[in-house]
Protein backbone atom coordinates (compact mmCIF):
# COMPACT_ATOMS: atom_id res chain seq x y z
CA UNK A 1 2.06 46.40 20.80
CA UNK A 2 -1.25 45.03 22.06
CA UNK A 3 -2.65 44.91 18.52
CA UNK A 4 0.45 43.06 17.27
CA UNK A 5 0.14 40.46 20.03
CA UNK A 6 -3.55 40.00 19.26
CA UNK A 7 -2.81 39.59 15.53
CA UNK A 8 -0.06 37.05 16.28
CA UNK A 9 -2.45 35.05 18.45
CA UNK A 10 -5.10 35.07 15.73
CA UNK A 11 -2.59 33.88 13.13
CA UNK A 12 -1.43 31.04 15.41
CA UNK A 13 -5.00 29.96 16.06
CA UNK A 14 -5.73 29.99 12.33
CA UNK A 15 -2.67 27.83 11.61
CA UNK A 16 -3.56 25.35 14.34
CA UNK A 17 -7.17 25.28 13.18
CA UNK A 18 -6.16 24.63 9.55
CA UNK A 19 -3.88 21.78 10.60
CA UNK A 20 -6.71 20.24 12.61
CA UNK A 21 -9.13 20.66 9.69
CA UNK A 22 -6.56 19.07 7.36
CA UNK A 23 -6.32 16.01 9.60
CA UNK A 24 -10.10 15.74 9.94
CA UNK A 25 -10.55 15.88 6.15
CA UNK A 26 -8.00 13.10 5.62
CA UNK A 27 -9.60 10.92 8.28
CA UNK A 28 -13.02 11.56 6.71
CA UNK A 29 -11.60 10.54 3.33
CA UNK A 30 -10.25 7.34 4.90
CA UNK A 31 -13.64 6.50 6.46
CA UNK A 32 -15.40 7.14 3.15
CA UNK A 33 -12.94 4.90 1.28
CA UNK A 34 -13.27 2.13 3.87
CA UNK A 35 -17.07 2.14 3.59
CA UNK A 36 -16.73 1.76 -0.18
CA UNK A 37 -14.27 -1.11 0.24
CA UNK A 38 -11.47 1.00 -1.24
CA UNK A 39 -7.85 1.61 -0.26
CA UNK A 40 -6.07 4.97 -0.38
CA UNK A 41 -2.86 5.21 -2.41
CA UNK A 42 -0.98 8.46 -2.94
CA UNK A 43 2.34 7.84 -4.65
CA UNK A 44 4.07 5.18 -2.54
CA UNK A 45 2.02 6.02 0.56
CA UNK A 46 -0.82 3.61 1.32
CA UNK A 47 -3.25 3.61 4.22
CA UNK A 48 -2.53 1.25 7.07
CA UNK A 49 -0.39 1.75 10.13
CA UNK A 50 1.89 4.42 8.65
CA UNK A 51 -0.84 6.29 6.79
CA UNK A 52 -3.21 6.44 9.76
CA UNK A 53 -0.42 7.35 12.16
CA UNK A 54 0.65 10.12 9.79
CA UNK A 55 -2.86 11.56 9.71
CA UNK A 56 -3.27 11.16 13.48
CA UNK A 57 0.06 12.81 14.12
CA UNK A 58 -0.93 15.91 12.15
CA UNK A 59 -4.25 16.21 13.92
CA UNK A 60 -3.01 15.42 17.42
CA UNK A 61 -0.01 17.73 17.11
CA UNK A 62 -2.33 20.58 16.20
CA UNK A 63 -4.68 19.71 19.09
CA UNK A 64 -1.76 19.49 21.51
CA UNK A 65 -0.54 22.84 20.23
CA UNK A 66 -3.93 24.37 20.92
CA UNK A 67 -3.95 22.93 24.45
CA UNK A 68 -0.39 24.11 24.98
CA UNK A 69 -1.36 27.57 23.79
CA UNK A 70 -4.26 27.79 26.25
CA UNK A 71 -2.19 26.41 29.12
CA UNK A 72 0.58 28.90 28.52
CA UNK A 73 -1.96 31.69 28.50
CA UNK A 74 -3.82 30.65 31.66
CA UNK A 75 -1.49 28.42 33.65
CA UNK A 76 0.99 29.49 36.29
CA UNK A 77 3.27 26.67 35.10
CA UNK A 78 3.79 27.26 31.38
CA UNK A 79 7.11 25.35 31.37
CA UNK A 80 5.46 22.12 32.56
CA UNK A 81 2.69 22.56 29.99
CA UNK A 82 5.29 23.00 27.27
CA UNK A 83 7.21 19.88 28.37
CA UNK A 84 4.03 17.77 28.28
CA UNK A 85 3.20 19.03 24.79
CA UNK A 86 6.74 18.37 23.52
CA UNK A 87 6.74 14.81 24.92
CA UNK A 88 3.41 14.04 23.23
CA UNK A 89 4.61 15.46 19.92
CA UNK A 90 7.89 13.49 20.08
CA UNK A 91 5.92 10.31 20.83
CA UNK A 92 3.73 10.84 17.77
CA UNK A 93 6.65 11.67 15.50
CA UNK A 94 8.64 8.73 16.88
CA UNK A 95 5.77 6.37 16.14
CA UNK A 96 5.49 7.74 12.61
CA UNK A 97 9.23 7.26 12.06
CA UNK A 98 9.07 3.68 13.38
CA UNK A 99 6.16 2.82 11.13
CA UNK A 100 8.06 4.36 8.20
CA UNK A 101 11.01 2.07 8.91
CA UNK A 102 8.66 -0.94 8.89
CA UNK A 103 7.06 -0.05 5.55
CA UNK A 104 9.92 1.81 3.82
CA UNK A 105 10.97 -1.23 1.79
CA UNK A 106 7.48 -1.84 0.40
CA UNK A 107 7.07 -0.91 -3.25
CA UNK A 108 4.08 -0.27 -5.51
CA UNK A 109 4.13 -0.99 -9.24
CA UNK A 110 1.45 0.17 -11.66
CA UNK A 111 0.48 -1.56 -14.90
CA UNK A 112 -1.78 0.16 -17.44
CA UNK A 113 -3.97 -1.59 -19.99
CA UNK A 114 -3.13 -0.91 -23.66
CA UNK A 115 -6.28 1.20 -24.07
CA UNK A 116 -5.55 3.15 -20.88
CA UNK A 117 -8.93 2.25 -19.36
CA UNK A 118 -7.66 0.11 -16.48
CA UNK A 119 -4.74 0.17 -14.06
CA UNK A 120 -3.48 -2.65 -11.87
CA UNK A 121 -1.34 -1.92 -8.79
CA UNK A 122 1.02 -4.55 -7.41
CA UNK A 123 2.18 -4.03 -3.81
CA UNK A 124 5.36 -6.05 -3.32
CA UNK A 125 6.34 -6.89 0.28
CA UNK A 126 9.33 -8.87 1.56
CA UNK A 127 10.04 -9.58 5.24
CA UNK A 128 12.86 -12.00 6.07
CA UNK A 129 12.00 -15.29 4.29
CA UNK A 130 8.42 -14.31 3.51
CA UNK A 131 7.19 -12.35 0.56
CA UNK A 132 3.90 -11.48 -1.09
CA UNK A 133 2.43 -9.51 -3.95
CA UNK A 134 -0.90 -7.80 -3.20
CA UNK A 135 -2.89 -6.92 -6.30
CA UNK A 136 -5.33 -4.00 -6.60
CA UNK A 137 -7.30 -2.33 -9.36
CA UNK A 138 -7.31 1.48 -9.46
CA UNK A 139 -10.81 2.94 -9.15
CA UNK A 140 -9.84 6.62 -8.93
CA UNK A 141 -6.84 8.97 -8.76
CA UNK A 142 -6.15 8.04 -5.11
CA UNK A 143 -8.32 4.94 -4.62
CA UNK A 144 -7.87 1.27 -5.45
CA UNK A 145 -9.75 -1.95 -4.72
CA UNK A 146 -8.07 -5.05 -3.31
CA UNK A 147 -8.21 -8.10 -5.59
CA UNK A 148 -5.94 -10.89 -4.32
CA UNK A 149 -2.63 -11.82 -2.68
CA UNK A 150 0.13 -14.01 -4.14
CA UNK A 151 2.61 -15.61 -1.72
CA UNK A 152 6.29 -15.74 -2.66
CA UNK A 153 8.91 -17.96 -1.02
CA UNK A 154 12.25 -16.87 0.51
CA UNK A 155 11.32 -13.19 0.61
CA UNK A 156 11.49 -12.97 -3.16
CA UNK A 157 10.69 -9.82 -5.13
CA UNK A 158 9.63 -11.14 -8.53
CA UNK A 159 8.38 -7.86 -9.95
CA UNK A 160 11.47 -5.95 -8.89
CA UNK A 161 13.61 -8.72 -10.39
CA UNK A 162 11.65 -8.77 -13.64
CA UNK A 163 10.34 -12.28 -12.96
CA UNK A 164 6.75 -11.62 -13.98
CA UNK A 165 4.47 -11.69 -17.00
CA UNK A 166 1.30 -9.70 -17.61
CA UNK A 167 -1.33 -10.24 -20.30
CA UNK A 168 -4.22 -7.86 -20.91
CA UNK A 169 -7.51 -9.06 -22.37
CA UNK A 170 -10.81 -7.30 -23.08
CA UNK A 171 -12.38 -8.05 -19.71
CA UNK A 172 -9.54 -9.34 -17.55
CA UNK A 173 -5.82 -9.21 -16.85
CA UNK A 174 -3.54 -12.18 -16.14
CA UNK A 175 -0.49 -11.52 -13.96
CA UNK A 176 2.05 -14.26 -13.25
CA UNK A 177 5.04 -14.04 -10.91
CA UNK A 178 7.85 -16.38 -9.96
CA UNK A 179 7.27 -18.25 -6.70
CA UNK A 180 11.04 -18.20 -6.13
CA UNK A 181 11.07 -21.91 -5.14
CA UNK A 182 9.86 -25.26 -6.43
CA UNK A 183 9.16 -26.52 -9.91
CA UNK A 184 8.74 -29.60 -12.07
CA UNK A 185 10.27 -31.34 -15.08
CA UNK A 186 8.98 -31.52 -18.63
CA UNK A 187 10.14 -32.86 -21.97
CA UNK A 188 13.58 -34.39 -21.67
CA UNK A 189 13.82 -33.73 -17.94
CA UNK A 190 14.05 -29.98 -18.44
CA UNK A 191 13.38 -27.94 -15.34
CA UNK A 192 10.38 -25.60 -15.18
CA UNK A 193 10.30 -23.27 -12.14
CA UNK A 194 7.01 -22.79 -10.30
CA UNK A 195 5.06 -19.58 -10.86
CA UNK A 196 1.77 -18.25 -9.48
CA UNK A 197 -0.81 -16.83 -11.86
CA UNK A 198 -3.75 -14.57 -10.96
CA UNK A 199 -6.67 -13.71 -13.24
CA UNK A 200 -8.52 -10.49 -12.37
CA UNK A 201 -11.81 -9.40 -13.93
CA UNK A 202 -11.56 -5.73 -14.82
CA UNK A 203 -14.03 -3.06 -13.79
CA UNK A 204 -16.15 -5.40 -11.66
CA UNK A 205 -16.49 -4.46 -7.96
CA UNK A 206 -15.86 -7.27 -5.47
CA UNK A 207 -14.79 -9.65 -8.23
CA UNK A 208 -13.14 -12.87 -7.07
CA UNK A 209 -9.67 -13.18 -8.59
CA UNK A 210 -8.75 -16.68 -9.71
CA UNK A 211 -5.32 -18.06 -8.76
CA UNK A 212 -3.54 -21.17 -10.00
CA UNK A 213 -0.07 -22.69 -10.30
CA UNK A 214 1.87 -22.48 -13.56
CA UNK A 215 5.34 -23.54 -14.65
CA UNK A 216 7.68 -21.58 -16.89
CA UNK A 217 9.29 -23.41 -19.81
CA UNK A 218 12.70 -22.51 -21.18
CA UNK A 219 11.05 -20.68 -24.08
CA UNK A 220 9.30 -18.35 -21.60
CA UNK A 221 5.80 -19.78 -21.97
CA UNK A 222 3.72 -20.68 -18.91
CA UNK A 223 1.86 -23.96 -18.57
CA UNK A 224 -0.49 -25.42 -15.98
CA UNK A 225 0.15 -28.78 -14.34
CA UNK A 226 -2.64 -30.37 -16.39
CA UNK A 227 -1.09 -29.13 -19.61
CA UNK A 228 2.27 -30.61 -18.64
CA UNK A 229 0.65 -33.97 -17.84
CA UNK A 230 -1.15 -33.96 -21.19
CA UNK A 231 2.09 -33.21 -23.05
CA UNK A 232 3.87 -36.03 -21.21
CA UNK A 233 1.03 -38.41 -22.05
CA UNK A 234 1.29 -37.53 -25.75
CA UNK A 235 5.04 -38.09 -25.70
């Protein structure tokens, strides 16, 4: 019986230790990525409040479990020690659930270059009447580098709604999305809705993405304000 109890204790300690090591490795990976100016992305899970809280929860739960284990072994009040541990664990899990609710509606879209050499990630966010599309370039299986942010009016989701265009070139990619508000007229008073266009240089660390306003004609082509003025002048 004594040997079984000792074996059970060793197994528990190993489990708690592995959980703690798992959390430490993830936090170390996060620190490494941050120093390189990178962002972690695994599936639809990005670093930030939810990601860090998720890592912290795993590590702190294992630490609390270790403390609880020692208190139950040495304390004359094991029930109180258990209650404290349970409250801390519930707090961590509750915080993780709350952060999940905040970020659950965020979506990541990936776009691959025709030659398969480059991948662009678009992080689409919509909160009430505000929306934005954050653009990244993948630099590894789980890492990506931030490029630029496009603001969208009225909480629009242009990529989800198919209101976007992407054009790949040898050394850059051009992504355009509907602004969801505003526009101008062209030709015979035809309406052209306002779009935002971002040009990203591929494979260049810390490259400055170039943004500018474009307008979408009825034939689906995009034109800058200067181009529209030139066309009106010719007419």
